[in-house]
PDB file of N, CA and C in Angstrom:
ATOM      1  N   MET A   1     138.520  46.511 175.090  1.00  0.00           N
ATOM      2  CA  MET A   1     137.686  45.303 175.645  1.00  0.00           C
ATOM      3  C   MET A   1     138.132  44.366 175.139  1.00  0.00           C
ATOM      4  N   SER A   2     138.035  43.257 176.047  1.00  0.00           N
ATOM      5  CA  SER A   2     138.565  42.399 176.209  1.00  0.00           C
ATOM      6  C   SER A   2     136.844  41.228 175.858  1.00  0.00           C
ATOM      7  N   HIS A   3     136.960  40.137 174.486  1.00  0.00           N
ATOM      8  CA  HIS A   3     135.753  39.729 174.953  1.00  0.00           C
ATOM      9  C   HIS A   3     136.141  37.532 175.722  1.00  0.00           C
ATOM     10  N   GLY A   4     136.660  37.958 176.149  1.00  0.00           N
ATOM     11  CA  GLY A   4     136.754  37.059 176.905  1.00  0.00           C
ATOM     12  C   GLY A   4     137.406  35.266 176.381  1.00  0.00           C
ATOM     13  N   ASN A   5     136.388  34.616 174.984  1.00  0.00           N
ATOM     14  CA  ASN A   5     136.279  33.609 174.657  1.00  0.00           C
ATOM     15  C   ASN A   5     136.357  33.893 173.211  1.00  0.00           C
ATOM     16  N   SER A   6     137.589  33.547 172.687  1.00  0.00           N
ATOM     17  CA  SER A   6     136.748  33.112 171.194  1.00  0.00           C
ATOM     18  C   SER A   6     136.531  31.734 170.372  1.00  0.00           C
ATOM     19  N   ASN A   7     135.444  31.886 171.139  1.00  0.00           N
ATOM     20  CA  ASN A   7     135.202  30.419 170.771  1.00  0.00           C
ATOM     21  C   ASN A   7     134.466  30.728 169.100  1.00  0.00           C
ATOM     22  N   GLY A   8     133.706  31.661 168.675  1.00  0.00           N
ATOM     23  CA  GLY A   8     133.200  31.649 167.979  1.00  0.00           C
ATOM     24  C   GLY A   8     134.341  32.068 166.660  1.00  0.00           C
ATOM     25  N   HIS A   9     135.471  32.660 167.606  1.00  0.00           N
ATOM     26  CA  HIS A   9     136.172  32.882 166.090  1.00  0.00           C
ATOM     27  C   HIS A   9     136.538  31.338 164.975  1.00  0.00           C
ATOM     28  N   ASP A  10     136.864  30.302 166.623  1.00  0.00           N
ATOM     29  CA  ASP A  10     137.788  29.146 166.465  1.00  0.00           C
ATOM     30  C   ASP A  10     136.650  28.118 165.390  1.00  0.00           C
ATOM     31  N   ASN A  11     135.422  28.698 165.755  1.00  0.00           N
ATOM     32  CA  ASN A  11     134.662  27.028 165.213  1.00  0.00           C
ATOM     33  C   ASN A  11     133.887  28.309 164.002  1.00  0.00           C
ATOM     34  N   THR A  12     134.292  29.431 163.354  1.00  0.00           N
ATOM     35  CA  THR A  12     134.436  29.759 162.296  1.00  0.00           C
ATOM     36  C   THR A  12     135.836  29.197 161.443  1.00  0.00           C
ATOM     37  N   ARG A  13     136.982  29.856 162.239  1.00  0.00           N
ATOM     38  CA  ARG A  13     137.867  28.665 161.238  1.00  0.00           C
ATOM     39  C   ARG A  13     138.312  27.458 161.181  1.00  0.00           C
ATOM     40  N   GLN A  14     137.319  26.614 162.291  1.00  0.00           N
ATOM     41  CA  GLN A  14     137.619  24.867 161.912  1.00  0.00           C
ATOM     42  C   GLN A  14     136.324  24.673 160.991  1.00  0.00           C
ATOM     43  N   LEU A  15     135.676  25.803 160.464  1.00  0.00           N
ATOM     44  CA  LEU A  15     134.262  25.314 159.826  1.00  0.00           C
ATOM     45  C   LEU A  15     135.298  25.345 158.382  1.00  0.00           C
ATOM     46  N   LEU A  16     136.294  26.727 158.167  1.00  0.00           N
ATOM     47  CA  LEU A  16     137.055  26.838 156.871  1.00  0.00           C
ATOM     48  C   LEU A  16     138.369  25.858 156.429  1.00  0.00           C
ATOM     49  N   VAL A  17     138.712  25.357 157.345  1.00  0.00           N
ATOM     50  CA  VAL A  17     139.553  24.295 157.429  1.00  0.00           C
ATOM     51  C   VAL A  17     139.118  23.531 157.076  1.00  0.00           C
ATOM     52  N   ASN A  18     137.573  22.973 157.434  1.00  0.00           N
ATOM     53  CA  ASN A  18     136.695  21.731 157.266  1.00  0.00           C
ATOM     54  C   ASN A  18     136.563  22.202 155.712  1.00  0.00           C
ATOM     55  N   GLY A  19     135.862  22.724 155.101  1.00  0.00           N
ATOM     56  CA  GLY A  19     135.729  23.181 153.944  1.00  0.00           C
ATOM     57  C   GLY A  19     136.388  23.086 153.296  1.00  0.00           C
ATOM     58  N   VAL A  20     137.831  23.866 153.241  1.00  0.00           N
ATOM     59  CA  VAL A  20     138.952  23.633 152.293  1.00  0.00           C
ATOM     60  C   VAL A  20     139.552  22.034 152.235  1.00  0.00           C
ATOM     61  N   ALA A  21     139.489  21.701 153.090  1.00  0.00           N
ATOM     62  CA  ALA A  21     140.209  20.672 153.159  1.00  0.00           C
ATOM     63  C   ALA A  21     139.359  19.319 152.728  1.00  0.00           C
ATOM     64  N   ASP A  22     138.067  19.963 152.483  1.00  0.00           N
ATOM     65  CA  ASP A  22     137.024  18.489 151.902  1.00  0.00           C
ATOM     66  C   ASP A  22     137.046  18.830 150.327  1.00  0.00           C
ATOM     67  N   ALA A  23     137.620  20.217 149.968  1.00  0.00           N
ATOM     68  CA  ALA A  23     137.666  21.149 148.894  1.00  0.00           C
ATOM     69  C   ALA A  23     138.393  20.443 147.854  1.00  0.00           C
ATOM     70  N   VAL A  24     139.389  20.442 148.429  1.00  0.00           N
ATOM     71  CA  VAL A  24     141.086  20.209 148.416  1.00  0.00           C
ATOM     72  C   VAL A  24     141.172  18.614 148.161  1.00  0.00           C
ATOM     73  N   GLY A  25     140.284  17.681 148.919  1.00  0.00           N
ATOM     74  CA  GLY A  25     140.254  16.139 148.805  1.00  0.00           C
ATOM     75  C   GLY A  25     140.181  15.944 147.582  1.00  0.00           C
ATOM     76  N   PHE A  26     138.284  16.383 147.586  1.00  0.00           N
ATOM     77  CA  PHE A  26     137.870  16.190 146.501  1.00  0.00           C
ATOM     78  C   PHE A  26     137.759  16.506 145.149  1.00  0.00           C
ATOM     79  N   VAL A  27     139.041  18.021 144.975  1.00  0.00           N
ATOM     80  CA  VAL A  27     139.430  17.699 143.462  1.00  0.00           C
ATOM     81  C   VAL A  27     140.502  17.444 143.615  1.00  0.00           C
ATOM     82  N   GLY A  28     141.509  16.952 144.855  1.00  0.00           N
ATOM     83  CA  GLY A  28     142.347  16.168 144.258  1.00  0.00           C
ATOM     84  C   GLY A  28     141.857  14.977 143.617  1.00  0.00           C
ATOM     85  N   GLY A  29     141.016  14.444 144.001  1.00  0.00           N
ATOM     86  CA  GLY A  29     140.909  13.099 143.962  1.00  0.00           C
ATOM     87  C   GLY A  29     140.688  12.676 142.982  1.00  0.00           C
ATOM     88  N   ALA A  30     139.388  14.308 142.191  1.00  0.00           N
ATOM     89  CA  ALA A  30     138.952  13.523 141.184  1.00  0.00           C
ATOM     90  C   ALA A  30     140.112  14.023 139.876  1.00  0.00           C
ATOM     91  N   LEU A  31     140.523  14.551 140.326  1.00  0.00           N
ATOM     92  CA  LEU A  31     142.207  14.969 138.949  1.00  0.00           C
ATOM     93  C   LEU A  31     142.903  13.745 138.908  1.00  0.00           C
ATOM     94  N   LEU A  32     143.461  13.212 139.848  1.00  0.00           N
ATOM     95  CA  LEU A  32     143.768  11.645 140.079  1.00  0.00           C
ATOM     96  C   LEU A  32     143.081  11.268 139.433  1.00  0.00           C
ATOM     97  N   GLY A  33     141.713  10.690 139.420  1.00  0.00           N
ATOM     98  CA  GLY A  33     140.534   9.679 138.568  1.00  0.00           C
ATOM     99  C   GLY A  33     140.822  10.349 137.145  1.00  0.00           C
ATOM    100  N   PHE A  34     140.705  11.803 136.433  1.00  0.00           N
ATOM    101  CA  PHE A  34     140.655  11.891 135.489  1.00  0.00           C
ATOM    102  C   PHE A  34     141.985  11.222 134.986  1.00  0.00           C
ATOM    103  N   TRP A  35     143.148  12.098 135.032  1.00  0.00           N
ATOM    104  CA  TRP A  35     144.200  11.224 134.845  1.00  0.00           C
ATOM    105  C   TRP A  35     144.546  10.104 134.739  1.00  0.00           C
ATOM    106  N   LEU A  36     144.004   8.628 135.672  1.00  0.00           N
ATOM    107  CA  LEU A  36     144.205   7.524 135.357  1.00  0.00           C
ATOM    108  C   LEU A  36     143.096   7.214 134.394  1.00  0.00           C
ATOM    109  N   GLY A  37     142.921   7.930 134.198  1.00  0.00           N
ATOM    110  CA  GLY A  37     141.339   7.185 132.773  1.00  0.00           C
ATOM    111  C   GLY A  37     142.454   7.765 131.649  1.00  0.00           C
ATOM    112  N   GLN A  38     142.670   8.995 131.790  1.00  0.00           N
ATOM    113  CA  GLN A  38     143.285   9.036 130.247  1.00  0.00           C
ATOM    114  C   GLN A  38     144.605   7.672 130.142  1.00  0.00           C
ATOM    115  N   LEU A  39     145.553   8.218 131.240  1.00  0.00           N
ATOM    116  CA  LEU A  39     146.197   6.696 131.278  1.00  0.00           C
ATOM    117  C   LEU A  39     145.534   5.660 130.542  1.00  0.00           C
ATOM    118  N   LEU A  40     144.480   5.142 130.757  1.00  0.00           N
ATOM    119  CA  LEU A  40     143.922   3.897 130.424  1.00  0.00           C
ATOM    120  C   LEU A  40     143.221   4.351 129.412  1.00  0.00           C
ATOM    121  N   GLY A  41     143.414   5.901 128.416  1.00  0.00           N
ATOM    122  CA  GLY A  41     142.773   6.129 127.173  1.00  0.00           C
ATOM    123  C   GLY A  41     141.126   6.191 126.965  1.00  0.00           C
ATOM    124  N   LEU A  42     140.816   6.653 127.861  1.00  0.00           N
ATOM    125  CA  LEU A  42     138.966   6.755 128.437  1.00  0.00           C
ATOM    126  C   LEU A  42     139.325   8.554 128.650  1.00  0.00           C
ATOM    127  N   ASP A  43     138.400   9.105 127.338  1.00  0.00           N
ATOM    128  CA  ASP A  43     138.806  10.491 127.037  1.00  0.00           C
ATOM    129  C   ASP A  43     137.271  11.095 127.655  1.00  0.00           C
ATOM    130  N   ILE A  44     136.854  11.576 128.541  1.00  0.00           N
ATOM    131  CA  ILE A  44     135.869  11.892 129.448  1.00  0.00           C
ATOM    132  C   ILE A  44     134.899  12.527 128.567  1.00  0.00           C
ATOM    133  N   PHE A  45     135.599  13.658 127.561  1.00  0.00           N
ATOM    134  CA  PHE A  45     135.160  14.679 126.466  1.00  0.00           C
ATOM    135  C   PHE A  45     135.455  14.207 125.034  1.00  0.00           C
ATOM    136  N   ALA A  46     134.796  12.709 125.418  1.00  0.00           N
ATOM    137  CA  ALA A  46     135.107  12.795 123.577  1.00  0.00           C
ATOM    138  C   ALA A  46     133.283  13.048 123.156  1.00  0.00           C
ATOM    139  N   PRO A  47     133.275  12.979 121.732  1.00  0.00           N
ATOM    140  CA  PRO A  47     131.486  13.004 121.466  1.00  0.00           C
ATOM    141  C   PRO A  47     130.754  11.927 121.773  1.00  0.00           C
ATOM    142  N   GLY A  48     129.386  12.462 122.498  1.00  0.00           N
ATOM    143  CA  GLY A  48     128.960  10.776 122.619  1.00  0.00           C
ATOM    144  C   GLY A  48     129.181  10.655 123.987  1.00  0.00           C
ATOM    145  N   TYR A  49     128.332   9.572 124.315  1.00  0.00           N
ATOM    146  CA  TYR A  49     128.296   8.959 125.883  1.00  0.00           C
ATOM    147  C   TYR A  49     129.164   7.785 125.467  1.00  0.00           C
ATOM    148  N   GLY A  50     130.321   6.988 124.626  1.00  0.00           N
ATOM    149  CA  GLY A  50     130.486   5.512 124.113  1.00  0.00           C
ATOM    150  C   GLY A  50     130.562   5.167 125.960  1.00  0.00           C
ATOM    151  N   THR A  51     130.856   3.959 126.066  1.00  0.00           N
ATOM    152  CA  THR A  51     131.651   2.858 127.288  1.00  0.00           C
ATOM    153  C   THR A  51     132.988   3.922 127.737  1.00  0.00           C
ATOM    154  N   GLY A  52     133.925   3.753 126.653  1.00  0.00           N
ATOM    155  CA  GLY A  52     134.977   4.763 127.728  1.00  0.00           C
ATOM    156  C   GLY A  52     134.489   5.645 128.096  1.00  0.00           C
ATOM    157  N   SER A  53     133.740   6.501 127.574  1.00  0.00           N
ATOM    158  CA  SER A  53     133.584   8.217 128.145  1.00  0.00           C
ATOM    159  C   SER A  53     133.644   7.586 129.829  1.00  0.00           C
ATOM    160  N   LEU A  54     131.759   7.293 129.218  1.00  0.00           N
ATOM    161  CA  LEU A  54     131.844   6.454 131.089  1.00  0.00           C
ATOM    162  C   LEU A  54     132.038   6.319 131.644  1.00  0.00           C
ATOM    163  N   VAL A  55     132.849   5.198 131.610  1.00  0.00           N
ATOM    164  CA  VAL A  55     133.863   4.379 132.606  1.00  0.00           C
ATOM    165  C   VAL A  55     134.676   6.180 133.167  1.00  0.00           C
ATOM    166  N   GLY A  56     135.434   6.800 131.938  1.00  0.00           N
ATOM    167  CA  GLY A  56     136.484   7.817 132.624  1.00  0.00           C
ATOM    168  C   GLY A  56     135.738   8.648 133.612  1.00  0.00           C
ATOM    169  N   ILE A  57     134.136   9.487 133.204  1.00  0.00           N
ATOM    170  CA  ILE A  57     133.431   9.490 134.193  1.00  0.00           C
ATOM    171  C   ILE A  57     133.469   8.766 135.093  1.00  0.00           C
ATOM    172  N   ALA A  58     132.965   7.737 135.269  1.00  0.00           N
ATOM    173  CA  ALA A  58     133.362   7.060 136.520  1.00  0.00           C
ATOM    174  C   ALA A  58     133.813   6.735 137.539  1.00  0.00           C
ATOM    175  N   LEU A  59     135.230   7.452 136.709  1.00  0.00           N
ATOM    176  CA  LEU A  59     136.683   7.118 137.769  1.00  0.00           C
ATOM    177  C   LEU A  59     136.652   8.698 138.212  1.00  0.00           C
ATOM    178  N   VAL A  60     136.397   9.490 137.263  1.00  0.00           N
ATOM    179  CA  VAL A  60     136.504  10.712 138.512  1.00  0.00           C
ATOM    180  C   VAL A  60     135.848  11.439 139.541  1.00  0.00           C
ATOM    181  N   GLY A  61     134.322  10.345 139.206  1.00  0.00           N
ATOM    182  CA  GLY A  61     133.512  10.449 140.241  1.00  0.00           C
ATOM    183  C   GLY A  61     133.781  10.212 141.270  1.00  0.00           C
ATOM    184  N   LEU A  62     134.847   8.427 140.901  1.00  0.00           N
ATOM    185  CA  LEU A  62     135.199   7.446 142.232  1.00  0.00           C
ATOM    186  C   LEU A  62     136.308   8.715 142.666  1.00  0.00           C
ATOM    187  N   GLY A  63     137.433   8.808 141.881  1.00  0.00           N
ATOM    188  CA  GLY A  63     138.408   9.960 142.684  1.00  0.00           C
ATOM    189  C   GLY A  63     138.188  10.535 144.202  1.00  0.00           C
ATOM    190  N   GLY A  64     137.059  11.255 143.102  1.00  0.00           N
ATOM    191  CA  GLY A  64     136.592  12.386 143.804  1.00  0.00           C
ATOM    192  C   GLY A  64     135.974  12.304 144.980  1.00  0.00           C
ATOM    193  N   GLY A  65     135.269  10.951 144.900  1.00  0.00           N
ATOM    194  CA  GLY A  65     134.603  10.690 146.569  1.00  0.00           C
ATOM    195  C   GLY A  65     135.689   9.793 147.695  1.00  0.00           C
ATOM    196  N   LEU A  66     136.466   9.432 146.971  1.00  0.00           N
ATOM    197  CA  LEU A  66     137.617   9.028 147.473  1.00  0.00           C
ATOM    198  C   LEU A  66     138.399   9.910 148.425  1.00  0.00           C
ATOM    199  N   GLY A  67     138.932  11.077 147.499  1.00  0.00           N
ATOM    200  CA  GLY A  67     139.896  12.016 148.005  1.00  0.00           C
ATOM    201  C   GLY A  67     138.747  13.050 148.468  1.00  0.00           C
ATOM    202  N   LEU A  68     137.882  12.997 148.878  1.00  0.00           N
ATOM    203  CA  LEU A  68     137.028  13.509 150.035  1.00  0.00           C
ATOM    204  C   LEU A  68     137.169  12.838 151.215  1.00  0.00           C
ATOM    205  N   HIS A  69     136.664  11.382 151.398  1.00  0.00           N
ATOM    206  CA  HIS A  69     136.907  10.141 152.425  1.00  0.00           C
ATOM    207  C   HIS A  69     138.597  10.766 152.856  1.00  0.00           C
ATOM    208  N   GLY A  70     139.274  10.847 151.924  1.00  0.00           N
ATOM    209  CA  GLY A  70     140.702  10.387 152.652  1.00  0.00           C
ATOM    210  C   GLY A  70     140.570  11.899 153.005  1.00  0.00           C
ATOM    211  N   ALA A  71     140.157  12.367 153.106  1.00  0.00           N
ATOM    212  CA  ALA A  71     140.068  14.548 153.697  1.00  0.00           C
ATOM    213  C   ALA A  71     139.041  14.465 155.056  1.00  0.00           C
ATOM    214  N   ARG A  72     138.381  13.261 155.063  1.00  0.00           N
ATOM    215  CA  ARG A  72     137.499  13.659 155.802  1.00  0.00           C
ATOM    216  C   ARG A  72     138.326  12.674 157.135  1.00  0.00           C
ATOM    217  N   ARG A  73     138.905  11.528 156.606  1.00  0.00           N
ATOM    218  CA  ARG A  73     139.996  10.256 157.709  1.00  0.00           C
ATOM    219  C   ARG A  73     141.087  11.398 158.455  1.00  0.00           C
ATOM    220  N   TRP A  74     141.375  12.407 157.152  1.00  0.00           N
ATOM    221  CA  TRP A  74     142.397  13.337 157.759  1.00  0.00           C
ATOM    222  C   TRP A  74     142.272  13.993 158.909  1.00  0.00           C
ATOM    223  N   GLN A  75     141.187  14.711 158.395  1.00  0.00           N
ATOM    224  CA  GLN A  75     140.620  15.724 159.617  1.00  0.00           C
ATOM    225  C   GLN A  75     140.525  15.165 160.900  1.00  0.00           C
ATOM    226  N   ASN A  76     139.604  14.112 161.127  1.00  0.00           N
ATOM    227  CA  ASN A  76     139.067  13.184 161.986  1.00  0.00           C
ATOM    228  C   ASN A  76     140.624  12.557 162.496  1.00  0.00           C
ATOM    229  N   SER A  77     141.472  12.513 161.995  1.00  0.00           N
ATOM    230  CA  SER A  77     142.815  11.842 162.737  1.00  0.00           C
ATOM    231  C   SER A  77     143.601  13.398 162.990  1.00  0.00           C
ATOM    232  N   ARG A  78     143.325  14.318 162.828  1.00  0.00           N
ATOM    233  CA  ARG A  78     143.875  15.569 163.560  1.00  0.00           C
ATOM    234  C   ARG A  78     143.275  15.688 164.897  1.00  0.00           C
ATOM    235  N   ARG A  79     142.418  15.789 164.128  1.00  0.00           N
ATOM    236  CA  ARG A  79     141.335  16.304 165.701  1.00  0.00           C
ATOM    237  C   ARG A  79     141.157  15.235 167.489  1.00  0.00           C
ATOM    238  N   SER A  80     141.366  14.155 166.997  1.00  0.00           N
ATOM    239  CA  SER A  80     142.377  13.256 167.789  1.00  0.00           C
ATOM    240  C   SER A  80     143.897  13.216 168.454  1.00  0.00           C
ATOM    241  N   GLN A  81     144.105  13.742 167.750  1.00  0.00           N
ATOM    242  CA  GLN A  81     145.753  13.869 167.800  1.00  0.00           C
ATOM    243  C   GLN A  81     145.052  15.615 169.569  1.00  0.00           C
ATOM    244  N   PRO A  82     145.950  15.441 170.422  1.00  0.00           N
ATOM    245  CA  PRO A  82     145.983  16.781 171.390  1.00  0.00           C
ATOM    246  C   PRO A  82     146.901  17.801 170.586  1.00  0.00           C
ATOM    247  N   SER A  83     146.407  18.422 170.679  1.00  0.00           N
ATOM    248  CA  SER A  83     146.559  20.465 169.917  1.00  0.00           C
ATOM    249  C   SER A  83     147.701  20.595 170.878  1.00  0.00           C
ATOM    250  N   LYS A  84     148.658  21.961 169.668  1.00  0.00           N
ATOM    251  CA  LYS A  84     149.853  22.379 169.698  1.00  0.00           C
ATOM    252  C   LYS A  84     150.087  23.616 170.270  1.00  0.00           C
ATOM    253  N   ASP A  85     148.476  23.735 170.644  1.00  0.00           N
ATOM    254  CA  ASP A  85     148.013  25.552 170.203  1.00  0.00           C
ATOM    255  C   ASP A  85     148.808  26.020 171.906  1.00  0.00           C
TER     256      ASP A  85
END
């Protein structure tokens, strides 16, 4: 039996690719922010919420946001290129 159109499958695949790309971008950016904080001597796991901890936490959040933004820009650039399928 032929379905003729696999648009539903293509849409599901695209959603999965977008979700994985977002997750990788966010986690990768957050890890970069964390390690940058570590290099600067900022421990996000230090007891209490001192200035160093808060700045380190902000770097993790900023890194995650920038990573997500970068992943979405990458996705948009791939959408604007002609498909090789």
